[in-house]
Amino acid sequence: MKKLFLVLAAAMLTVSASAQKTTITSNKAGDNWYVGLNAGVATPVSKFNVGTEEWGRLKGFAPKLGVRVGKNLTTVFGLALDADLYIESSEKSMMKEKTFIDAINVDLMGTFNLSNLFAGYQGQPRCFEVIGLIGGGYSHTYGYAQSGLNAKAGLDFAFNLGSAKNLQLYIEPAVVMGQPSPVWANPFRKVNDKWNAIGQVSVGLNYKFGNSNGSSNFKIEQLRDQAEIDGLNAKINELRADNQAKDGKIAADGKAIADLKAQLAACQSRPAQTIIEERVIKEMNATLQPIVIFRQGKTTVDAAGLASCEMVAKYMKNHPDSKVKIQGFASPEGSKEVNDRIAKQRAEAVKNVLVKKYKIAANRLEAEGLGATDKLSSENDFNRVAKFIDTTLQK
């Protein structure tokens, strides 16, 4: 029998090792925790007599409520802490107590995901899994005020629900066995020199908390084979060679930039030469000093503008051969179409004043609209003007 057991154990280890060829992401302390509630019914397993009354083997039932807190340490093995309350269901309950709470169990159990153990983990829980539980703990009955150690074993038929598989509904048949009395007080029934146990069936729901990997379960590590690693290394070496070639080009470009900077510095150290085109000089000499300033959007000559017009009229009367071009401007605000029109109207308005008010011959005047400008002044108000140029001085 011993040899058979060893052979079976070796076969189980071989199957498990074959199934677990996947590598999972790291399991941090706060990962893979879950909490759950369960409810069910319990009944004695062994048959016994209390006085003349026969008990056990489905002779009494008690409802139970349970709480479970657990952590999956690997895809196969985990730990769970269970607390079960057994409630009196009638005057003579399963444990024949007279308190509302007949008994309580607190057990620490190891959990074994048999589906993952034999079939491997596929990256997320299966829709249906079988999970074994075994462990032990402490039990206490309130009617008889007895306490003792117990052993617990069960099997979960679990259904993983939801797209994230973070809810687990399970049906769990289990057996809880107490120590024989009087060596240890039996928490389920005081029966001399016999092992006594209860069987129970529970339905529970566990909620799995979120993990650091972004899910509520283990994730498979993305491993690469050696051929892929060799290919990546070759690509890295190729990129290094490209970087070295680019480093050489950058160094050459840096030298060229340094040479250009030296040449620029040499040019900047030379005395500045002012070169003004002859056309610009003639235009500067031909420009008369008075200007007519207009308000924004206006094309009429106001009193201040009349003073400038009078000065130009006096100049033309003193120089009978002179001819004057009136250049109208607008500030940059507004559309080009509007500015072109306003500039032209301003030049025409000044010409009309010179002709009608100051009796200057129209054939000696030319009105020209030059549109919007910001070249005359940095202030927009000073760009809304009309200028005067003696065209006879430009020849």
Protein backbone atom coordinates (compact mmCIF):
# COMPACT_ATOMS: atom_id res chain seq x y z
CA MET A 1 0.00 0.00 0.00
CA LYS A 2 2.85 2.36 0.84
CA LYS A 3 4.49 1.76 -2.54
CA LEU A 4 1.19 2.38 -4.32
CA PHE A 5 0.79 5.68 -2.50
CA LEU A 6 4.31 6.78 -3.48
CA VAL A 7 3.67 5.88 -7.13
CA LEU A 8 0.42 7.86 -7.14
CA ALA A 9 2.13 10.87 -5.50
CA ALA A 10 4.94 10.80 -8.09
CA ALA A 11 2.42 10.60 -10.92
CA MET A 12 0.51 13.59 -9.51
CA LEU A 13 3.70 15.68 -9.28
CA THR A 14 4.59 14.78 -12.89
CA VAL A 15 1.17 15.79 -14.19
CA SER A 16 1.28 19.02 -12.18
CA ALA A 17 4.77 19.92 -13.47
CA SER A 18 3.67 19.23 -17.04
CA ALA A 19 0.58 21.42 -16.66
CA GLN A 20 2.36 24.35 -15.02
CA LYS A 21 4.67 25.42 -17.88
CA THR A 22 3.39 28.98 -17.76
CA THR A 23 5.03 31.83 -15.89
CA ILE A 24 2.73 34.27 -14.13
CA THR A 25 3.34 37.90 -13.26
CA SER A 26 4.58 38.67 -9.75
CA ASN A 27 2.11 38.17 -6.91
CA LYS A 28 2.39 41.19 -4.60
CA ALA A 29 1.22 41.22 -1.00
CA GLY A 30 -1.97 43.08 -1.89
CA ASP A 31 -2.83 40.90 -4.91
CA ASN A 32 -5.29 38.02 -5.31
CA TRP A 33 -7.30 38.59 -2.14
CA TYR A 34 -10.98 37.72 -1.99
CA VAL A 35 -13.83 37.81 0.51
CA GLY A 36 -17.09 35.92 0.48
CA LEU A 37 -20.28 34.88 2.22
CA ASN A 38 -21.91 31.48 2.25
CA ALA A 39 -24.98 29.76 3.66
CA GLY A 40 -26.08 26.15 3.89
CA VAL A 41 -27.22 23.30 6.10
CA ALA A 42 -25.33 20.85 8.36
CA THR A 43 -26.17 17.43 9.85
CA PRO A 44 -24.33 14.79 11.92
CA VAL A 45 -22.46 12.13 9.96
CA SER A 46 -21.98 9.45 12.61
CA LYS A 47 -24.79 7.64 14.36
CA PHE A 48 -25.07 7.80 18.15
CA ASN A 49 -27.55 7.63 20.98
CA VAL A 50 -28.33 10.27 23.54
CA GLY A 51 -30.12 8.44 26.31
CA THR A 52 -32.78 6.40 24.59
CA GLU A 53 -32.97 8.75 21.61
CA GLU A 54 -31.08 7.96 18.41
CA TRP A 55 -29.23 10.85 16.72
CA GLY A 56 -27.01 11.28 13.72
CA ARG A 57 -27.12 10.34 10.06
CA LEU A 58 -29.67 12.90 8.91
CA LYS A 59 -31.60 12.84 12.20
CA GLY A 60 -31.11 16.57 12.79
CA PHE A 61 -30.35 19.59 10.64
CA ALA A 62 -29.09 23.07 11.41
CA PRO A 63 -28.75 26.03 9.05
CA LYS A 64 -25.31 27.61 8.87
CA LEU A 65 -23.86 30.98 7.84
CA GLY A 66 -20.23 31.52 6.95
CA VAL A 67 -17.66 34.17 6.10
CA ARG A 68 -14.49 33.47 4.11
CA VAL A 69 -11.38 35.60 3.55
CA GLY A 70 -8.64 34.19 1.35
CA LYS A 71 -5.61 34.81 -0.82
CA ASN A 72 -4.42 32.80 -3.82
CA LEU A 73 -0.66 32.49 -3.45
CA THR A 74 -0.21 30.70 -6.80
CA THR A 75 -2.52 29.56 -9.55
CA VAL A 76 -2.87 26.27 -7.62
CA PHE A 77 -2.32 26.92 -3.91
CA GLY A 78 -3.88 29.46 -1.57
CA LEU A 79 -4.99 30.05 2.01
CA ALA A 80 -8.49 30.75 3.35
CA LEU A 81 -9.84 31.65 6.78
CA ASP A 82 -13.40 30.39 7.42
CA ALA A 83 -15.81 31.29 10.21
CA ASP A 84 -19.04 29.25 10.37
CA LEU A 85 -22.06 29.77 12.64
CA TYR A 86 -24.53 26.93 13.24
CA ILE A 87 -28.01 28.19 14.14
CA GLU A 88 -30.68 26.42 16.20
CA SER A 89 -33.49 25.40 13.89
CA SER A 90 -35.94 23.82 16.39
CA GLU A 91 -36.33 22.94 20.03
CA LYS A 92 -34.05 19.98 19.39
CA SER A 93 -31.56 21.14 16.86
CA MET A 94 -28.84 19.11 15.20
CA MET A 95 -26.62 19.52 18.22
CA LYS A 96 -29.49 19.46 20.69
CA GLU A 97 -28.61 22.83 22.17
CA LYS A 98 -31.04 25.39 23.49
CA THR A 99 -29.15 28.50 22.41
CA PHE A 100 -29.86 30.40 19.20
CA ILE A 101 -26.25 29.84 18.05
CA ASP A 102 -25.48 26.17 18.54
CA ALA A 103 -21.79 26.24 17.64
CA ILE A 104 -19.02 28.13 15.85
CA ASN A 105 -16.04 26.96 13.79
CA VAL A 106 -12.97 28.99 12.85
CA ASP A 107 -10.68 27.15 10.43
CA LEU A 108 -7.51 27.97 8.50
CA MET A 109 -7.41 25.93 5.32
CA GLY A 110 -5.20 25.37 2.35
CA THR A 111 -6.93 25.62 -1.02
CA PHE A 112 -5.89 23.58 -4.06
CA ASN A 113 -7.20 24.48 -7.52
CA LEU A 114 -7.35 20.98 -8.99
CA SER A 115 -8.32 22.28 -12.43
CA ASN A 116 -5.15 24.37 -12.67
CA LEU A 117 -3.08 21.64 -11.01
CA PHE A 118 -3.82 19.05 -13.68
CA ALA A 119 -4.81 21.13 -16.72
CA GLY A 120 -2.66 24.23 -16.28
CA TYR A 121 -3.57 27.91 -16.04
CA GLN A 122 -4.72 29.50 -19.32
CA GLY A 123 -4.32 33.18 -18.43
CA GLN A 124 -7.68 33.57 -16.68
CA PRO A 125 -9.92 31.34 -14.56
CA ARG A 126 -12.07 28.78 -16.33
CA CYS A 127 -15.81 29.19 -16.24
CA PHE A 128 -15.97 26.04 -14.07
CA GLU A 129 -13.28 24.85 -11.66
CA VAL A 130 -12.89 22.26 -8.92
CA ILE A 131 -11.08 23.43 -5.78
CA GLY A 132 -10.12 21.24 -2.82
CA LEU A 133 -9.90 22.57 0.76
CA ILE A 134 -8.30 21.01 3.82
CA GLY A 135 -7.29 22.40 7.18
CA GLY A 136 -8.28 22.70 10.79
CA GLY A 137 -9.04 25.06 13.60
CA TYR A 138 -11.12 25.71 16.67
CA SER A 139 -14.75 24.84 17.50
CA HIS A 140 -17.03 25.77 20.36
CA THR A 141 -20.56 24.73 21.38
CA TYR A 142 -22.51 27.20 23.49
CA GLY A 143 -25.12 24.94 25.09
CA TYR A 144 -22.54 22.60 26.60
CA ALA A 145 -19.79 25.25 26.78
CA GLN A 146 -17.31 22.86 25.19
CA SER A 147 -14.36 23.74 22.96
CA GLY A 148 -11.84 21.76 21.01
CA LEU A 149 -9.81 21.31 17.87
CA ASN A 150 -11.29 20.20 14.57
CA ALA A 151 -10.30 19.18 11.08
CA LYS A 152 -12.16 20.31 7.98
CA ALA A 153 -12.12 19.11 4.38
CA GLY A 154 -14.27 20.17 1.46
CA LEU A 155 -14.59 20.42 -2.28
CA ASP A 156 -15.73 23.55 -4.15
CA PHE A 157 -17.52 23.27 -7.48
CA ALA A 158 -16.90 26.85 -8.54
CA PHE A 159 -18.34 28.97 -11.34
CA ASN A 160 -16.37 32.12 -12.29
CA LEU A 161 -18.74 34.86 -13.39
CA GLY A 162 -18.48 38.17 -15.22
CA SER A 163 -16.20 39.35 -18.03
CA ALA A 164 -13.46 40.08 -15.46
CA LYS A 165 -14.02 36.73 -13.67
CA ASN A 166 -14.03 38.60 -10.34
CA LEU A 167 -17.10 36.84 -8.94
CA GLN A 168 -17.02 33.17 -7.95
CA LEU A 169 -20.18 31.22 -7.14
CA TYR A 170 -19.52 27.83 -5.55
CA ILE A 171 -21.27 24.80 -4.10
CA GLU A 172 -19.26 23.21 -1.32
CA PRO A 173 -19.85 19.81 0.33
CA ALA A 174 -17.60 19.53 3.40
CA VAL A 175 -16.93 17.45 6.51
CA VAL A 176 -15.91 18.91 9.89
CA MET A 177 -14.49 16.36 12.33
CA GLY A 178 -13.90 16.91 16.06
CA GLN A 179 -11.46 15.16 18.41
CA PRO A 180 -12.73 12.13 20.36
CA SER A 181 -14.05 12.81 23.85
CA PRO A 182 -12.84 12.92 26.59
CA VAL A 183 -9.31 13.54 25.25
CA TRP A 184 -10.66 16.71 23.60
CA ALA A 185 -14.15 18.07 24.12
CA ASN A 186 -16.20 17.31 20.99
CA PRO A 187 -17.74 20.60 19.79
CA PHE A 188 -20.55 18.88 17.88
CA ARG A 189 -21.82 16.26 20.23
CA LYS A 190 -20.57 14.72 23.45
CA VAL A 191 -19.98 11.08 22.45
CA ASN A 192 -17.60 8.98 24.48
CA ASP A 193 -14.49 7.58 22.83
CA LYS A 194 -15.69 8.12 19.26
CA TRP A 195 -14.75 10.43 16.46
CA ASN A 196 -17.73 12.54 15.66
CA ALA A 197 -18.27 14.71 12.58
CA ILE A 198 -20.85 16.73 10.72
CA GLY A 199 -21.44 16.96 7.00
CA GLN A 200 -22.53 20.22 5.46
CA VAL A 201 -23.41 21.69 2.07
CA SER A 202 -22.94 25.41 1.45
CA VAL A 203 -23.60 27.80 -1.40
CA GLY A 204 -21.28 30.82 -1.42
CA LEU A 205 -20.19 33.85 -3.42
CA ASN A 206 -16.63 35.23 -3.38
CA TYR A 207 -15.58 38.67 -4.62
CA LYS A 208 -12.01 38.99 -5.91
CA PHE A 209 -10.34 42.37 -5.38
CA GLY A 210 -8.36 44.08 -8.13
CA ASN A 211 -4.65 43.35 -8.54
CA SER A 212 -1.63 45.42 -9.46
CA ASN A 213 -1.65 43.77 -12.92
CA GLY A 214 -4.93 45.48 -13.80
CA SER A 215 -7.19 42.43 -13.40
CA SER A 216 -8.66 40.40 -10.53
CA ASN A 217 -6.69 37.24 -11.35
CA PHE A 218 -3.23 36.03 -12.28
CA LYS A 219 -1.82 37.04 -15.66
CA ILE A 220 0.62 35.02 -17.73
CA GLU A 221 4.02 36.62 -18.24
CA GLN A 222 4.79 37.26 -21.88
CA LEU A 223 7.94 35.18 -22.41
CA ARG A 224 10.07 35.20 -25.55
CA ASP A 225 11.88 32.26 -27.12
CA GLN A 226 15.60 32.28 -27.82
CA ALA A 227 15.21 32.90 -31.57
CA GLU A 228 13.16 36.02 -30.87
CA ILE A 229 15.72 37.20 -28.29
CA ASP A 230 18.55 36.68 -30.81
CA GLY A 231 16.60 38.69 -33.40
CA LEU A 232 16.07 41.54 -30.94
CA ASN A 233 19.77 41.54 -30.03
CA ALA A 234 20.70 41.75 -33.72
CA LYS A 235 18.32 44.68 -34.13
CA ILE A 236 19.87 46.39 -31.09
CA ASN A 237 23.38 45.96 -32.55
CA GLU A 238 22.17 47.38 -35.88
CA LEU A 239 20.71 50.43 -34.14
CA ARG A 240 23.95 50.92 -32.20
CA ALA A 241 25.91 50.96 -35.47
CA ASP A 242 23.47 53.50 -36.91
CA ASN A 243 23.86 55.67 -33.81
CA GLN A 244 27.65 55.56 -34.09
CA ALA A 245 27.46 56.66 -37.74
CA LYS A 246 25.08 59.46 -36.78
CA ASP A 247 27.40 60.48 -33.95
CA GLY A 248 30.20 60.92 -36.51
CA LYS A 249 27.95 63.05 -38.72
CA ILE A 250 26.87 65.13 -35.73
CA ALA A 251 30.53 65.74 -34.87
CA ALA A 252 31.26 66.84 -38.45
CA ASP A 253 28.21 69.10 -38.47
CA GLY A 254 29.29 70.55 -35.13
CA LYS A 255 32.69 71.46 -36.60
CA ALA A 256 31.02 73.11 -39.61
CA ILE A 257 28.73 75.09 -37.29
CA ALA A 258 31.75 76.20 -35.24
CA ASP A 259 33.47 77.41 -38.45
CA LEU A 260 30.36 79.34 -39.52
CA LYS A 261 30.11 80.94 -36.08
CA ALA A 262 33.74 82.03 -36.35
CA GLN A 263 33.10 83.55 -39.77
CA LEU A 264 30.00 85.33 -38.46
CA ALA A 265 31.93 86.72 -35.53
CA ALA A 266 34.59 88.02 -37.92
CA CYS A 267 31.92 89.70 -40.05
CA GLN A 268 30.28 91.25 -37.02
CA SER A 269 33.59 92.73 -35.87
CA ARG A 270 33.96 94.69 -39.11
CA PRO A 271 32.75 98.33 -39.20
CA ALA A 272 29.13 98.59 -40.30
CA GLN A 273 28.52 99.97 -43.78
CA THR A 274 25.33 101.84 -44.48
CA ILE A 275 24.11 101.37 -48.04
CA ILE A 276 20.98 103.22 -49.00
CA GLU A 277 19.52 102.89 -52.46
CA GLU A 278 19.41 106.03 -54.59
CA ARG A 279 15.66 105.51 -55.07
CA VAL A 280 15.10 105.56 -51.29
CA ILE A 281 17.21 108.70 -50.93
CA LYS A 282 15.23 110.50 -53.63
CA GLU A 283 11.94 109.45 -52.00
CA MET A 284 13.13 110.66 -48.59
CA ASN A 285 14.15 114.02 -50.08
CA ALA A 286 10.87 114.36 -51.96
CA THR A 287 8.63 113.63 -48.94
CA LEU A 288 7.04 116.76 -47.50
CA GLN A 289 6.90 116.99 -43.72
CA PRO A 290 3.19 117.67 -43.09
CA ILE A 291 0.86 114.67 -42.71
CA VAL A 292 -2.88 114.36 -42.23
CA ILE A 293 -3.96 112.00 -39.41
CA PHE A 294 -7.36 110.28 -39.51
CA ARG A 295 -9.41 108.68 -36.77
CA GLN A 296 -10.00 104.90 -36.94
CA GLY A 297 -12.39 104.02 -39.79
CA LYS A 298 -12.77 107.74 -40.85
CA THR A 299 -12.01 109.33 -44.23
CA THR A 300 -12.89 112.98 -43.55
CA VAL A 301 -10.26 115.66 -42.90
CA ASP A 302 -10.73 117.29 -39.47
CA ALA A 303 -9.47 120.71 -38.26
CA ALA A 304 -6.05 119.36 -37.36
CA GLY A 305 -5.71 117.88 -40.83
CA LEU A 306 -6.67 121.19 -42.46
CA ALA A 307 -3.55 122.79 -40.96
CA SER A 308 -1.35 120.25 -42.77
CA CYS A 309 -3.29 120.74 -46.00
CA GLU A 310 -2.80 124.52 -45.73
CA MET A 311 0.97 124.07 -45.35
CA VAL A 312 1.14 121.89 -48.48
CA ALA A 313 -1.03 124.36 -50.43
CA LYS A 314 1.30 127.21 -49.45
CA TYR A 315 4.30 125.08 -50.55
CA MET A 316 2.74 124.40 -53.97
CA LYS A 317 1.93 128.07 -54.47
CA ASN A 318 5.51 128.96 -53.65
CA HIS A 319 6.70 126.30 -56.13
CA PRO A 320 4.42 126.66 -59.15
CA ASP A 321 6.11 123.82 -61.05
CA SER A 322 5.72 121.26 -58.25
CA LYS A 323 3.38 118.30 -58.50
CA VAL A 324 2.34 116.38 -55.38
CA LYS A 325 1.31 112.74 -54.93
CA ILE A 326 -0.99 112.15 -51.94
CA GLN A 327 -0.52 108.67 -50.43
CA GLY A 328 -3.32 107.36 -48.21
CA PHE A 329 -2.73 104.63 -45.56
CA ALA A 330 -4.82 102.53 -43.14
CA SER A 331 -3.83 100.75 -39.90
CA PRO A 332 -3.59 96.91 -39.94
CA GLU A 333 -6.94 96.26 -38.23
CA GLY A 334 -9.75 94.94 -40.40
CA SER A 335 -9.82 93.12 -43.72
CA LYS A 336 -7.58 93.96 -46.69
CA GLU A 337 -10.55 94.94 -48.84
CA VAL A 338 -11.79 97.50 -46.29
CA ASN A 339 -8.29 98.89 -45.64
CA ASP A 340 -7.57 99.35 -49.36
CA ARG A 341 -10.81 101.25 -49.83
CA ILE A 342 -10.28 103.49 -46.76
CA ALA A 343 -6.70 104.29 -47.78
CA LYS A 344 -7.82 105.38 -51.24
CA GLN A 345 -10.71 107.47 -49.86
CA ARG A 346 -8.37 109.27 -47.45
CA ALA A 347 -6.05 110.30 -50.30
CA GLU A 348 -9.03 111.49 -52.36
CA ALA A 349 -10.40 113.46 -49.38
CA VAL A 350 -7.12 115.36 -48.96
CA LYS A 351 -6.97 116.07 -52.72
CA ASN A 352 -10.52 117.48 -52.64
CA VAL A 353 -9.60 119.80 -49.77
CA LEU A 354 -6.56 121.12 -51.66
CA VAL A 355 -8.58 121.64 -54.82
CA LYS A 356 -11.78 123.09 -53.38
CA LYS A 357 -10.59 124.97 -50.31
CA TYR A 358 -7.11 126.03 -51.32
CA LYS A 359 -7.63 126.31 -55.11
CA ILE A 360 -4.77 124.01 -56.16
CA ALA A 361 -5.13 122.78 -59.73
CA ALA A 362 -6.34 119.18 -59.82
CA ASN A 363 -3.83 118.26 -62.55
CA ARG A 364 -1.01 119.03 -60.10
CA LEU A 365 -2.35 116.46 -57.59
CA GLU A 366 -2.43 112.65 -57.64
CA ALA A 367 -4.32 110.54 -55.04
CA GLU A 368 -2.94 107.05 -54.35
CA GLY A 369 -4.26 104.47 -51.80
CA LEU A 370 -1.54 102.19 -50.41
CA GLY A 371 -3.76 100.08 -48.09
CA ALA A 372 -2.84 98.97 -44.55
CA THR A 373 0.65 99.41 -43.14
CA ASP A 374 2.51 99.03 -39.87
CA LYS A 375 5.78 100.40 -41.26
CA LEU A 376 5.19 104.10 -40.56
CA SER A 377 4.92 103.65 -36.78
CA SER A 378 4.63 101.00 -34.09
CA GLU A 379 1.47 102.82 -32.96
CA ASN A 380 -1.58 101.97 -35.05
CA ASP A 381 -2.99 105.51 -34.61
CA PHE A 382 0.02 106.95 -36.50
CA ASN A 383 -0.51 104.59 -39.45
CA ARG A 384 -3.92 106.12 -40.37
CA VAL A 385 -2.46 109.02 -42.37
CA ALA A 386 -2.07 110.73 -45.70
CA LYS A 387 1.48 111.71 -46.83
CA PHE A 388 2.67 114.19 -49.45
CA ILE A 389 5.48 113.56 -52.01
CA ASP A 390 6.75 116.17 -54.46
CA THR A 391 7.19 113.99 -57.51
CA THR A 392 9.17 116.63 -59.35
CA LEU A 393 12.03 116.12 -56.85
CA GLN A 394 12.25 112.38 -57.57
CA LYS A 395 13.39 112.84 -61.20
